[in-house]
Amino acid sequence: MSIEQTVERINELARKAKTVGLTEEEIEERNVLRRQYIDAFKRSLKHQLDSIKYTDEEPQ
């Protein structure tokens, strides 16, 4: 499942939770999808931060 699909499904479950409520299976699915999204976000952020190059030179 792509990130876009994951976010869309999380949003679908959020809308349903606000209207009619979620079953136990849907609550578990929502929790798993949220964890997957957060983990993917952290990996992406870590990759971006790891690719930053710092330079600290004295002006001449």
PDB file of N, CA and C in Angstrom:
ATOM      1  N   MET A   1       0.856  -1.167   0.000  1.00  0.00           N
ATOM      2  CA  MET A   1       0.000   0.000   0.000  1.00  0.00           C
ATOM      3  C   MET A   1       0.905   1.234   0.000  1.00  0.00           C
ATOM      4  N   SER A   2       0.638   2.162  -0.901  1.00  0.00           N
ATOM      5  CA  SER A   2       1.433   3.383  -0.973  1.00  0.00           C
ATOM      6  C   SER A   2       1.059   4.329   0.162  1.00  0.00           C
ATOM      7  N   ILE A   3       1.882   5.327   0.373  1.00  0.00           N
ATOM      8  CA  ILE A   3       1.614   6.313   1.423  1.00  0.00           C
ATOM      9  C   ILE A   3       0.297   7.028   1.146  1.00  0.00           C
ATOM     10  N   GLU A   4       0.051   7.362  -0.117  1.00  0.00           N
ATOM     11  CA  GLU A   4      -1.196   8.047  -0.467  1.00  0.00           C
ATOM     12  C   GLU A   4      -2.410   7.186  -0.143  1.00  0.00           C
ATOM     13  N   GLN A   5      -2.318   5.905  -0.450  1.00  0.00           N
ATOM     14  CA  GLN A   5      -3.414   4.988  -0.149  1.00  0.00           C
ATOM     15  C   GLN A   5      -3.588   4.825   1.361  1.00  0.00           C
ATOM     16  N   THR A   6      -2.477   4.784   2.072  1.00  0.00           N
ATOM     17  CA  THR A   6      -2.534   4.662   3.530  1.00  0.00           C
ATOM     18  C   THR A   6      -3.230   5.871   4.133  1.00  0.00           C
ATOM     19  N   VAL A   7      -2.840   7.069   3.697  1.00  0.00           N
ATOM     20  CA  VAL A   7      -3.451   8.299   4.211  1.00  0.00           C
ATOM     21  C   VAL A   7      -4.934   8.340   3.869  1.00  0.00           C
ATOM     22  N   GLU A   8      -5.287   7.949   2.658  1.00  0.00           N
ATOM     23  CA  GLU A   8      -6.695   7.953   2.250  1.00  0.00           C
ATOM     24  C   GLU A   8      -7.510   7.001   3.126  1.00  0.00           C
ATOM     25  N   ARG A   9      -6.979   5.824   3.396  1.00  0.00           N
ATOM     26  CA  ARG A   9      -7.700   4.861   4.242  1.00  0.00           C
ATOM     27  C   ARG A   9      -7.810   5.370   5.682  1.00  0.00           C
ATOM     28  N   ILE A  10      -6.751   5.977   6.198  1.00  0.00           N
ATOM     29  CA  ILE A  10      -6.805   6.568   7.542  1.00  0.00           C
ATOM     30  C   ILE A  10      -7.898   7.625   7.585  1.00  0.00           C
ATOM     31  N   ASN A  11      -7.966   8.455   6.554  1.00  0.00           N
ATOM     32  CA  ASN A  11      -8.992   9.501   6.501  1.00  0.00           C
ATOM     33  C   ASN A  11     -10.399   8.915   6.403  1.00  0.00           C
ATOM     34  N   GLU A  12     -10.555   7.842   5.627  1.00  0.00           N
ATOM     35  CA  GLU A  12     -11.861   7.179   5.534  1.00  0.00           C
ATOM     36  C   GLU A  12     -12.301   6.678   6.913  1.00  0.00           C
ATOM     37  N   LEU A  13     -11.377   6.054   7.612  1.00  0.00           N
ATOM     38  CA  LEU A  13     -11.702   5.532   8.941  1.00  0.00           C
ATOM     39  C   LEU A  13     -12.001   6.666   9.921  1.00  0.00           C
ATOM     40  N   ALA A  14     -11.298   7.782   9.789  1.00  0.00           N
ATOM     41  CA  ALA A  14     -11.556   8.932  10.669  1.00  0.00           C
ATOM     42  C   ALA A  14     -12.954   9.494  10.425  1.00  0.00           C
ATOM     43  N   ARG A  15     -13.338   9.604   9.152  1.00  0.00           N
ATOM     44  CA  ARG A  15     -14.687  10.095   8.834  1.00  0.00           C
ATOM     45  C   ARG A  15     -15.752   9.148   9.375  1.00  0.00           C
ATOM     46  N   LYS A  16     -15.511   7.857   9.218  1.00  0.00           N
ATOM     47  CA  LYS A  16     -16.476   6.874   9.707  1.00  0.00           C
ATOM     48  C   LYS A  16     -16.561   6.909  11.230  1.00  0.00           C
ATOM     49  N   ALA A  17     -15.427   7.095  11.894  1.00  0.00           N
ATOM     50  CA  ALA A  17     -15.409   7.149  13.360  1.00  0.00           C
ATOM     51  C   ALA A  17     -16.239   8.317  13.868  1.00  0.00           C
ATOM     52  N   LYS A  18     -16.231   9.417  13.128  1.00  0.00           N
ATOM     53  CA  LYS A  18     -16.993  10.600  13.542  1.00  0.00           C
ATOM     54  C   LYS A  18     -18.493  10.434  13.312  1.00  0.00           C
ATOM     55  N   THR A  19     -18.870   9.592  12.356  1.00  0.00           N
ATOM     56  CA  THR A  19     -20.290   9.462  12.019  1.00  0.00           C
ATOM     57  C   THR A  19     -20.940   8.265  12.705  1.00  0.00           C
ATOM     58  N   VAL A  20     -20.512   7.072  12.355  1.00  0.00           N
ATOM     59  CA  VAL A  20     -21.190   5.872  12.860  1.00  0.00           C
ATOM     60  C   VAL A  20     -20.348   5.049  13.829  1.00  0.00           C
ATOM     61  N   GLY A  21     -19.077   5.391  13.961  1.00  0.00           N
ATOM     62  CA  GLY A  21     -18.202   4.625  14.844  1.00  0.00           C
ATOM     63  C   GLY A  21     -17.495   3.501  14.103  1.00  0.00           C
ATOM     64  N   LEU A  22     -16.500   2.935  14.757  1.00  0.00           N
ATOM     65  CA  LEU A  22     -15.695   1.880  14.148  1.00  0.00           C
ATOM     66  C   LEU A  22     -15.867   0.568  14.896  1.00  0.00           C
ATOM     67  N   THR A  23     -15.728  -0.523  14.147  1.00  0.00           N
ATOM     68  CA  THR A  23     -15.707  -1.841  14.769  1.00  0.00           C
ATOM     69  C   THR A  23     -14.323  -2.063  15.385  1.00  0.00           C
ATOM     70  N   GLU A  24     -14.198  -3.103  16.174  1.00  0.00           N
ATOM     71  CA  GLU A  24     -12.900  -3.419  16.780  1.00  0.00           C
ATOM     72  C   GLU A  24     -11.846  -3.677  15.705  1.00  0.00           C
ATOM     73  N   GLU A  25     -12.242  -4.357  14.619  1.00  0.00           N
ATOM     74  CA  GLU A  25     -11.305  -4.648  13.532  1.00  0.00           C
ATOM     75  C   GLU A  25     -10.852  -3.363  12.857  1.00  0.00           C
ATOM     76  N   GLU A  26     -11.772  -2.431  12.669  1.00  0.00           N
ATOM     77  CA  GLU A  26     -11.424  -1.161  12.031  1.00  0.00           C
ATOM     78  C   GLU A  26     -10.529  -0.315  12.935  1.00  0.00           C
ATOM     79  N   ILE A  27     -10.760  -0.374  14.228  1.00  0.00           N
ATOM     80  CA  ILE A  27      -9.900   0.347  15.169  1.00  0.00           C
ATOM     81  C   ILE A  27      -8.483  -0.206  15.097  1.00  0.00           C
ATOM     82  N   GLU A  28      -8.367  -1.524  15.056  1.00  0.00           N
ATOM     83  CA  GLU A  28      -7.049  -2.150  14.946  1.00  0.00           C
ATOM     84  C   GLU A  28      -6.391  -1.785  13.617  1.00  0.00           C
ATOM     85  N   GLU A  29      -7.162  -1.817  12.517  1.00  0.00           N
ATOM     86  CA  GLU A  29      -6.630  -1.433  11.208  1.00  0.00           C
ATOM     87  C   GLU A  29      -6.135   0.010  11.242  1.00  0.00           C
ATOM     88  N   ARG A  30      -6.921   0.896  11.831  1.00  0.00           N
ATOM     89  CA  ARG A  30      -6.545   2.309  11.932  1.00  0.00           C
ATOM     90  C   ARG A  30      -5.230   2.460  12.694  1.00  0.00           C
ATOM     91  N   ASN A  31      -5.098   1.739  13.801  1.00  0.00           N
ATOM     92  CA  ASN A  31      -3.872   1.821  14.595  1.00  0.00           C
ATOM     93  C   ASN A  31      -2.655   1.330  13.816  1.00  0.00           C
ATOM     94  N   VAL A  32      -2.832   0.230  13.084  1.00  0.00           N
ATOM     95  CA  VAL A  32      -1.734  -0.316  12.276  1.00  0.00           C
ATOM     96  C   VAL A  32      -1.358   0.667  11.175  1.00  0.00           C
ATOM     97  N   LEU A  33      -2.350   1.222  10.486  1.00  0.00           N
ATOM     98  CA  LEU A  33      -2.076   2.171   9.407  1.00  0.00           C
ATOM     99  C   LEU A  33      -1.398   3.436   9.925  1.00  0.00           C
ATOM    100  N   ARG A  34      -1.843   3.923  11.060  1.00  0.00           N
ATOM    101  CA  ARG A  34      -1.208   5.111  11.651  1.00  0.00           C
ATOM    102  C   ARG A  34       0.249   4.833  11.976  1.00  0.00           C
ATOM    103  N   ARG A  35       0.525   3.669  12.560  1.00  0.00           N
ATOM    104  CA  ARG A  35       1.905   3.309  12.897  1.00  0.00           C
ATOM    105  C   ARG A  35       2.753   3.211  11.637  1.00  0.00           C
ATOM    106  N   GLN A  36       2.218   2.601  10.569  1.00  0.00           N
ATOM    107  CA  GLN A  36       2.953   2.494   9.310  1.00  0.00           C
ATOM    108  C   GLN A  36       3.268   3.880   8.751  1.00  0.00           C
ATOM    109  N   TYR A  37       2.282   4.780   8.808  1.00  0.00           N
ATOM    110  CA  TYR A  37       2.474   6.131   8.291  1.00  0.00           C
ATOM    111  C   TYR A  37       3.541   6.868   9.100  1.00  0.00           C
ATOM    112  N   ILE A  38       3.465   6.780  10.410  1.00  0.00           N
ATOM    113  CA  ILE A  38       4.437   7.464  11.271  1.00  0.00           C
ATOM    114  C   ILE A  38       5.842   6.912  11.035  1.00  0.00           C
ATOM    115  N   ASP A  39       5.966   5.598  10.918  1.00  0.00           N
ATOM    116  CA  ASP A  39       7.275   4.988  10.679  1.00  0.00           C
ATOM    117  C   ASP A  39       7.849   5.426   9.332  1.00  0.00           C
ATOM    118  N   ALA A  40       7.014   5.481   8.298  1.00  0.00           N
ATOM    119  CA  ALA A  40       7.468   5.926   6.980  1.00  0.00           C
ATOM    120  C   ALA A  40       7.895   7.391   7.028  1.00  0.00           C
ATOM    121  N   PHE A  41       7.142   8.210   7.742  1.00  0.00           N
ATOM    122  CA  PHE A  41       7.476   9.627   7.879  1.00  0.00           C
ATOM    123  C   PHE A  41       8.821   9.792   8.583  1.00  0.00           C
ATOM    124  N   LYS A  42       9.036   9.032   9.645  1.00  0.00           N
ATOM    125  CA  LYS A  42      10.300   9.110  10.384  1.00  0.00           C
ATOM    126  C   LYS A  42      11.478   8.683   9.508  1.00  0.00           C
ATOM    127  N   ARG A  43      11.294   7.598   8.734  1.00  0.00           N
ATOM    128  CA  ARG A  43      12.366   7.143   7.840  1.00  0.00           C
ATOM    129  C   ARG A  43      12.707   8.218   6.824  1.00  0.00           C
ATOM    130  N   SER A  44      11.680   8.833   6.252  1.00  0.00           N
ATOM    131  CA  SER A  44      11.893   9.878   5.257  1.00  0.00           C
ATOM    132  C   SER A  44      12.612  11.074   5.865  1.00  0.00           C
ATOM    133  N   LEU A  45      12.181  11.503   7.027  1.00  0.00           N
ATOM    134  CA  LEU A  45      12.812  12.636   7.698  1.00  0.00           C
ATOM    135  C   LEU A  45      14.262  12.320   8.047  1.00  0.00           C
ATOM    136  N   LYS A  46      14.516  11.121   8.550  1.00  0.00           N
ATOM    137  CA  LYS A  46      15.885  10.729   8.892  1.00  0.00           C
ATOM    138  C   LYS A  46      16.770  10.736   7.657  1.00  0.00           C
ATOM    139  N   HIS A  47      16.254  10.230   6.535  1.00  0.00           N
ATOM    140  CA  HIS A  47      17.014  10.227   5.291  1.00  0.00           C
ATOM    141  C   HIS A  47      17.349  11.655   4.866  1.00  0.00           C
ATOM    142  N   GLN A  48      16.380  12.553   4.953  1.00  0.00           N
ATOM    143  CA  GLN A  48      16.621  13.949   4.584  1.00  0.00           C
ATOM    144  C   GLN A  48      17.660  14.586   5.501  1.00  0.00           C
ATOM    145  N   LEU A  49      17.543  14.342   6.786  1.00  0.00           N
ATOM    146  CA  LEU A  49      18.504  14.923   7.729  1.00  0.00           C
ATOM    147  C   LEU A  49      19.901  14.335   7.551  1.00  0.00           C
ATOM    148  N   ASP A  50      19.977  13.052   7.244  1.00  0.00           N
ATOM    149  CA  ASP A  50      21.278  12.415   7.035  1.00  0.00           C
ATOM    150  C   ASP A  50      21.977  12.945   5.789  1.00  0.00           C
ATOM    151  N   SER A  51      21.225  13.452   4.831  1.00  0.00           N
ATOM    152  CA  SER A  51      21.828  13.930   3.588  1.00  0.00           C
ATOM    153  C   SER A  51      22.273  15.391   3.664  1.00  0.00           C
ATOM    154  N   ILE A  52      22.009  16.060   4.778  1.00  0.00           N
ATOM    155  CA  ILE A  52      22.424  17.454   4.937  1.00  0.00           C
ATOM    156  C   ILE A  52      23.920  17.498   5.221  1.00  0.00           C
ATOM    157  N   LYS A  53      24.615  18.360   4.504  1.00  0.00           N
ATOM    158  CA  LYS A  53      26.050  18.543   4.712  1.00  0.00           C
ATOM    159  C   LYS A  53      26.269  19.888   5.381  1.00  0.00           C
ATOM    160  N   TYR A  54      26.982  19.864   6.481  1.00  0.00           N
ATOM    161  CA  TYR A  54      27.282  21.087   7.218  1.00  0.00           C
ATOM    162  C   TYR A  54      28.671  21.589   6.830  1.00  0.00           C
ATOM    163  N   THR A  55      28.790  22.882   6.686  1.00  0.00           N
ATOM    164  CA  THR A  55      30.097  23.488   6.466  1.00  0.00           C
ATOM    165  C   THR A  55      30.290  24.560   7.522  1.00  0.00           C
ATOM    166  N   ASP A  56      31.460  24.563   8.094  1.00  0.00           N
ATOM    167  CA  ASP A  56      31.758  25.518   9.147  1.00  0.00           C
ATOM    168  C   ASP A  56      33.178  26.023   8.929  1.00  0.00           C
ATOM    169  N   GLU A  57      33.304  26.975   8.019  1.00  0.00           N
ATOM    170  CA  GLU A  57      34.617  27.508   7.692  1.00  0.00           C
ATOM    171  C   GLU A  57      34.750  28.913   8.251  1.00  0.00           C
ATOM    172  N   GLU A  58      35.976  29.243   8.642  1.00  0.00           N
ATOM    173  CA  GLU A  58      36.273  30.588   9.114  1.00  0.00           C
ATOM    174  C   GLU A  58      36.358  31.526   7.906  1.00  0.00           C
ATOM    175  N   PRO A  59      35.743  32.704   7.982  1.00  0.00           N
ATOM    176  CA  PRO A  59      35.869  33.665   6.872  1.00  0.00           C
ATOM    177  C   PRO A  59      37.315  34.158   6.761  1.00  0.00           C
ATOM    178  N   GLN A  60      37.777  34.332   5.525  1.00  0.00           N
ATOM    179  CA  GLN A  60      39.166  34.754   5.327  1.00  0.00           C
ATOM    180  C   GLN A  60      39.270  36.118   4.740  1.00  0.00           C
TER     181      GLN A  60
END
